[in-house]
Every structure is written in structure tokens, then in C-alpha cells.
Amino acid sequence: MLSSSLLSGFGIGVISTGLYALITDNKQKEVNKSSDKKMDYCIIFCIVMLVSVLLLFFTGKKTEQIIPLKALGSVVNNNPPF
């Protein structure tokens, strides 16, 4: 369960960081700001991945049933009282 959440979170982080990089890229090559951009992209990726993994992990479906439905059918009395 955690591994699928991590893999999905990694994919969401990569896609969202890539979209952010495409939208905010101003097409100017500046030597001083290239390391700042990389650091910003890493921070954004980490935040998005962390939030998405937490949401996917805590809202994941559980296959456990509290009350089995098959056993409930044999116990219920369907006869009318009269």
C-alpha cells in the first residue's frame, strides 16, 4: 500500500514540477539564477510529493470488512410474526 502511494506520489510530483517549470520559464539564460531555479524545483517537487503521498496513503481503500455480509444472511429471521 505504501509502495503504490510512493510511486503515485513520485509521478504526481514529477508531472506537477514539470508543468510548473514549463509555465514559469521565462526563456532567458541567466547564469546566476540557474542554481536558484533548480533549488526551487527541488523544493516544489518535495512538497508536492510529500502531500500527495500522505493523501494517497491515508485515503487508500482498505479491503477489510468489519461485518461479513454472507454470515449475516443466515442469522436474520425473515418469518413474519403472525
Protein backbone atom coordinates (compact mmCIF):
# COMPACT_ATOMS: atom_id res chain seq x y z
CA MET A 1 0.00 0.00 0.00
CA LEU A 2 2.78 2.40 0.90
CA SER A 3 4.82 1.46 -2.16
CA SER A 4 1.95 2.24 -4.54
CA SER A 5 1.36 5.56 -2.74
CA LEU A 6 5.06 6.42 -3.06
CA LEU A 7 5.13 5.54 -6.75
CA SER A 8 1.98 7.53 -7.47
CA GLY A 9 3.26 10.45 -5.39
CA PHE A 10 6.55 10.42 -7.29
CA GLY A 11 4.67 10.54 -10.60
CA ILE A 12 2.43 13.36 -9.44
CA GLY A 13 5.47 15.28 -8.18
CA VAL A 14 7.35 14.90 -11.46
CA ILE A 15 4.38 15.91 -13.59
CA SER A 16 3.44 18.92 -11.46
CA THR A 17 7.05 20.14 -11.21
CA GLY A 18 7.45 19.77 -14.97
CA LEU A 19 4.29 21.78 -15.58
CA TYR A 20 5.47 24.44 -13.14
CA ALA A 21 8.83 24.62 -14.94
CA LEU A 22 7.12 25.00 -18.32
CA ILE A 23 4.74 27.69 -17.12
CA THR A 24 7.26 29.81 -15.22
CA ASP A 25 10.18 29.50 -17.66
CA ASN A 26 10.93 32.99 -18.99
CA LYS A 27 13.27 31.85 -21.81
CA GLN A 28 16.22 33.90 -20.57
CA LYS A 29 19.53 32.21 -19.85
CA GLU A 30 20.88 33.67 -16.66
CA VAL A 31 23.92 32.04 -15.08
CA ASN A 32 23.31 33.25 -11.54
CA LYS A 33 19.70 32.16 -11.33
CA SER A 34 20.06 28.64 -12.73
CA SER A 35 21.02 27.17 -9.36
CA ASP A 36 18.18 29.09 -7.70
CA LYS A 37 15.72 27.59 -10.19
CA LYS A 38 16.99 24.08 -9.54
CA MET A 39 16.62 24.59 -5.81
CA ASP A 40 13.10 25.97 -6.27
CA TYR A 41 12.15 23.00 -8.46
CA CYS A 42 13.52 20.55 -5.88
CA ILE A 43 11.59 22.23 -3.07
CA ILE A 44 8.36 22.25 -5.09
CA PHE A 45 8.83 18.59 -6.05
CA CYS A 46 9.40 17.55 -2.43
CA ILE A 47 6.39 19.44 -1.13
CA VAL A 48 4.04 18.12 -3.82
CA MET A 49 5.31 14.57 -3.43
CA LEU A 50 5.01 14.62 0.36
CA VAL A 51 1.46 15.97 0.31
CA SER A 52 0.31 13.60 -2.43
CA VAL A 53 1.83 10.54 -0.72
CA LEU A 54 0.17 11.45 2.57
CA LEU A 55 -3.21 11.99 0.91
CA LEU A 56 -2.97 8.78 -1.13
CA PHE A 57 -1.84 6.74 1.86
CA PHE A 58 -4.50 7.93 4.29
CA THR A 59 -7.38 7.85 1.81
CA GLY A 60 -6.44 4.47 0.31
CA LYS A 61 -9.06 1.75 0.14
CA LYS A 62 -8.93 -0.98 2.72
CA THR A 63 -10.18 -4.42 1.76
CA GLU A 64 -11.14 -5.46 5.28
CA GLN A 65 -14.79 -5.90 6.11
CA ILE A 66 -15.96 -5.26 9.64
CA ILE A 67 -19.10 -7.38 9.31
CA PRO A 68 -19.06 -10.19 6.74
CA LEU A 69 -22.25 -9.98 4.69
CA LYS A 70 -22.57 -13.71 3.92
CA ALA A 71 -22.73 -14.71 7.58
CA LEU A 72 -25.35 -12.02 8.25
CA GLY A 73 -27.87 -13.60 5.82
CA SER A 74 -28.13 -16.92 7.67
CA VAL A 75 -28.70 -15.28 11.06
CA VAL A 76 -31.53 -12.92 10.07
CA ASN A 77 -35.06 -14.25 10.65
CA ASN A 78 -37.34 -13.39 7.70
CA ASN A 79 -40.53 -15.01 9.01
CA PRO A 80 -43.43 -12.69 9.79
CA PRO A 81 -44.64 -12.63 13.42
CA PHE A 82 -48.12 -13.95 12.63
